[in-house]
């Protein structure tokens, strides 16, 4: 079983850059990945994406883990882009005021180690 992440940051960024939907990009990537795997004689009974109902059915173990109380859930603050209608991944957040080094992305500064939270 294998699947590509339809909602990964790299996928989001590439899809935006190419002006295509994330699902369309993943469909093309899947073809390329399956061709690569075939070159190594690797086959999958199920190759999908995170949007694929078969993939979701195979990952229902998470529902059981949650039901058993083994997952800690907490509220977090995320930045939201109302024009794009989506929450912003770390790569879209750059240089908050408390970071001392320019050009930093995400929720921490790679230069000084400062960690910061998104503000609403």
C-alpha atoms as a PDB file:
ATOM      1  CA  UNK A   1       0.000   0.000   0.000  1.00  0.00           C
ATOM      2  CA  UNK A   2       1.240   3.480  -0.822  1.00  0.00           C
ATOM      3  CA  UNK A   3      -0.239   6.958  -1.154  1.00  0.00           C
ATOM      4  CA  UNK A   4       0.893  10.466  -2.034  1.00  0.00           C
ATOM      5  CA  UNK A   5       0.070  13.335   0.310  1.00  0.00           C
ATOM      6  CA  UNK A   6      -2.429  15.580  -1.453  1.00  0.00           C
ATOM      7  CA  UNK A   7      -2.144  18.197   1.278  1.00  0.00           C
ATOM      8  CA  UNK A   8       1.600  18.322   1.922  1.00  0.00           C
ATOM      9  CA  UNK A   9       3.345  21.687   1.928  1.00  0.00           C
ATOM     10  CA  UNK A  10       5.578  20.809  -1.019  1.00  0.00           C
ATOM     11  CA  UNK A  11       2.511  19.723  -3.001  1.00  0.00           C
ATOM     12  CA  UNK A  12       0.637  22.916  -2.131  1.00  0.00           C
ATOM     13  CA  UNK A  13       3.562  25.122  -3.129  1.00  0.00           C
ATOM     14  CA  UNK A  14       4.242  23.314  -6.402  1.00  0.00           C
ATOM     15  CA  UNK A  15       0.561  23.267  -7.377  1.00  0.00           C
ATOM     16  CA  UNK A  16       0.285  27.015  -6.762  1.00  0.00           C
ATOM     17  CA  UNK A  17       3.469  27.677  -8.732  1.00  0.00           C
ATOM     18  CA  UNK A  18       2.222  25.585 -11.673  1.00  0.00           C
ATOM     19  CA  UNK A  19      -1.332  26.944 -11.426  1.00  0.00           C
ATOM     20  CA  UNK A  20      -2.942  23.509 -11.105  1.00  0.00           C
ATOM     21  CA  UNK A  21      -5.151  21.853  -8.514  1.00  0.00           C
ATOM     22  CA  UNK A  22      -3.359  19.771  -5.890  1.00  0.00           C
ATOM     23  CA  UNK A  23      -5.399  16.712  -6.910  1.00  0.00           C
ATOM     24  CA  UNK A  24      -4.284  17.076 -10.560  1.00  0.00           C
ATOM     25  CA  UNK A  25      -0.652  17.424  -9.515  1.00  0.00           C
ATOM     26  CA  UNK A  26      -0.881  14.326  -7.320  1.00  0.00           C
ATOM     27  CA  UNK A  27      -2.447  12.326 -10.170  1.00  0.00           C
ATOM     28  CA  UNK A  28       0.542  13.170 -12.386  1.00  0.00           C
ATOM     29  CA  UNK A  29       2.990  12.444  -9.571  1.00  0.00           C
ATOM     30  CA  UNK A  30       1.330   9.088  -8.967  1.00  0.00           C
ATOM     31  CA  UNK A  31       1.906   8.098 -12.600  1.00  0.00           C
ATOM     32  CA  UNK A  32       5.567   9.091 -12.335  1.00  0.00           C
ATOM     33  CA  UNK A  33       6.021   7.293  -9.008  1.00  0.00           C
ATOM     34  CA  UNK A  34       4.384   4.098 -10.258  1.00  0.00           C
ATOM     35  CA  UNK A  35       6.652   4.166 -13.326  1.00  0.00           C
ATOM     36  CA  UNK A  36       9.686   4.577 -11.061  1.00  0.00           C
ATOM     37  CA  UNK A  37       8.565   1.740  -8.791  1.00  0.00           C
ATOM     38  CA  UNK A  38       7.880  -0.508 -11.801  1.00  0.00           C
ATOM     39  CA  UNK A  39      11.511  -0.010 -12.816  1.00  0.00           C
ATOM     40  CA  UNK A  40      12.433  -1.764  -9.568  1.00  0.00           C
ATOM     41  CA  UNK A  41       9.720  -4.439 -10.001  1.00  0.00           C
ATOM     42  CA  UNK A  42       7.715  -2.947  -7.123  1.00  0.00           C
ATOM     43  CA  UNK A  43       3.923  -3.158  -7.332  1.00  0.00           C
ATOM     44  CA  UNK A  44       1.209  -2.020  -4.957  1.00  0.00           C
ATOM     45  CA  UNK A  45      -2.210  -3.532  -4.309  1.00  0.00           C
ATOM     46  CA  UNK A  46      -3.394  -0.055  -3.370  1.00  0.00           C
ATOM     47  CA  UNK A  47      -1.690   3.160  -4.549  1.00  0.00           C
ATOM     48  CA  UNK A  48      -3.745   6.244  -3.897  1.00  0.00           C
ATOM     49  CA  UNK A  49      -3.630   9.629  -2.244  1.00  0.00           C
ATOM     50  CA  UNK A  50      -4.697  11.045   1.080  1.00  0.00           C
ATOM     51  CA  UNK A  51      -8.019  11.952  -0.586  1.00  0.00           C
ATOM     52  CA  UNK A  52      -8.685   8.407  -1.782  1.00  0.00           C
ATOM     53  CA  UNK A  53     -11.526   6.633   0.103  1.00  0.00           C
ATOM     54  CA  UNK A  54      -9.542   3.353  -0.001  1.00  0.00           C
ATOM     55  CA  UNK A  55      -6.623   5.054   1.753  1.00  0.00           C
ATOM     56  CA  UNK A  56      -8.944   6.505   4.382  1.00  0.00           C
ATOM     57  CA  UNK A  57     -10.488   3.086   4.994  1.00  0.00           C
ATOM     58  CA  UNK A  58      -7.025   1.562   5.510  1.00  0.00           C
ATOM     59  CA  UNK A  59      -6.098   4.211   8.065  1.00  0.00           C
ATOM     60  CA  UNK A  60      -9.154   3.888  10.299  1.00  0.00           C
ATOM     61  CA  UNK A  61      -6.844   2.561  13.012  1.00  0.00           C
ATOM     62  CA  UNK A  62      -6.467   6.214  14.057  1.00  0.00           C
ATOM     63  CA  UNK A  63     -10.132   6.311  15.040  1.00  0.00           C
ATOM     64  CA  UNK A  64      -9.532   3.354  17.350  1.00  0.00           C
ATOM     65  CA  UNK A  65      -6.398   4.942  18.806  1.00  0.00           C
ATOM     66  CA  UNK A  66      -8.338   8.154  19.503  1.00  0.00           C
ATOM     67  CA  UNK A  67     -11.219   6.189  21.027  1.00  0.00           C
ATOM     68  CA  UNK A  68      -8.726   4.438  23.347  1.00  0.00           C
ATOM     69  CA  UNK A  69      -7.548   7.844  24.597  1.00  0.00           C
ATOM     70  CA  UNK A  70      -4.026   7.455  23.211  1.00  0.00           C
ATOM     71  CA  UNK A  71      -4.020  10.736  21.273  1.00  0.00           C
ATOM     72  CA  UNK A  72      -3.699  14.110  22.942  1.00  0.00           C
ATOM     73  CA  UNK A  73      -5.670  16.736  21.092  1.00  0.00           C
ATOM     74  CA  UNK A  74      -5.241  20.434  21.704  1.00  0.00           C
ATOM     75  CA  UNK A  75      -6.257  23.656  20.067  1.00  0.00           C
ATOM     76  CA  UNK A  76      -3.613  25.531  18.120  1.00  0.00           C
ATOM     77  CA  UNK A  77      -3.560  28.898  16.444  1.00  0.00           C
ATOM     78  CA  UNK A  78      -2.887  28.923  12.712  1.00  0.00           C
ATOM     79  CA  UNK A  79      -2.641  31.712  10.212  1.00  0.00           C
ATOM     80  CA  UNK A  80      -5.390  31.662   7.589  1.00  0.00           C
ATOM     81  CA  UNK A  81      -5.401  33.082   4.059  1.00  0.00           C
ATOM     82  CA  UNK A  82      -8.986  34.220   3.369  1.00  0.00           C
ATOM     83  CA  UNK A  83      -8.253  34.784  -0.342  1.00  0.00           C
ATOM     84  CA  UNK A  84      -6.987  31.223  -0.859  1.00  0.00           C
ATOM     85  CA  UNK A  85      -9.482  29.808   1.651  1.00  0.00           C
ATOM     86  CA  UNK A  86      -6.847  27.745   3.434  1.00  0.00           C
ATOM     87  CA  UNK A  87      -4.688  27.658   6.532  1.00  0.00           C
ATOM     88  CA  UNK A  88      -1.062  28.560   5.898  1.00  0.00           C
ATOM     89  CA  UNK A  89       1.656  25.930   6.125  1.00  0.00           C
ATOM     90  CA  UNK A  90       4.968  26.897   7.746  1.00  0.00           C
ATOM     91  CA  UNK A  91       6.574  27.636   4.371  1.00  0.00           C
ATOM     92  CA  UNK A  92       4.056  30.422   3.771  1.00  0.00           C
ATOM     93  CA  UNK A  93       4.851  32.172   7.061  1.00  0.00           C
ATOM     94  CA  UNK A  94       7.960  34.310   7.020  1.00  0.00           C
ATOM     95  CA  UNK A  95       9.920  36.366   9.468  1.00  0.00           C
ATOM     96  CA  UNK A  96       7.840  37.343  12.478  1.00  0.00           C
ATOM     97  CA  UNK A  97       9.050  40.313  14.518  1.00  0.00           C
ATOM     98  CA  UNK A  98      10.756  38.258  17.241  1.00  0.00           C
ATOM     99  CA  UNK A  99      13.087  36.404  14.857  1.00  0.00           C
ATOM    100  CA  UNK A 100      16.510  37.987  14.773  1.00  0.00           C
ATOM    101  CA  UNK A 101      17.708  36.494  11.469  1.00  0.00           C
ATOM    102  CA  UNK A 102      16.170  37.506   8.127  1.00  0.00           C
ATOM    103  CA  UNK A 103      14.603  35.019   5.717  1.00  0.00           C
ATOM    104  CA  UNK A 104      13.304  32.511   8.258  1.00  0.00           C
ATOM    105  CA  UNK A 105      10.236  30.388   7.517  1.00  0.00           C
ATOM    106  CA  UNK A 106       7.978  28.356   9.764  1.00  0.00           C
ATOM    107  CA  UNK A 107       7.530  28.380  13.497  1.00  0.00           C
ATOM    108  CA  UNK A 108      11.157  28.620  14.563  1.00  0.00           C
ATOM    109  CA  UNK A 109      14.331  30.479  13.660  1.00  0.00           C
ATOM    110  CA  UNK A 110      17.063  28.176  12.384  1.00  0.00           C
ATOM    111  CA  UNK A 111      19.728  30.740  13.333  1.00  0.00           C
ATOM    112  CA  UNK A 112      18.860  31.536  16.958  1.00  0.00           C
ATOM    113  CA  UNK A 113      16.469  28.697  17.843  1.00  0.00           C
ATOM    114  CA  UNK A 114      13.610  31.041  18.820  1.00  0.00           C
ATOM    115  CA  UNK A 115      10.173  29.401  18.671  1.00  0.00           C
ATOM    116  CA  UNK A 116       7.051  31.439  18.057  1.00  0.00           C
ATOM    117  CA  UNK A 117       3.324  30.904  17.687  1.00  0.00           C
ATOM    118  CA  UNK A 118       1.040  32.208  14.981  1.00  0.00           C
ATOM    119  CA  UNK A 119      -0.974  35.254  15.968  1.00  0.00           C
ATOM    120  CA  UNK A 120      -4.534  35.893  14.884  1.00  0.00           C
END
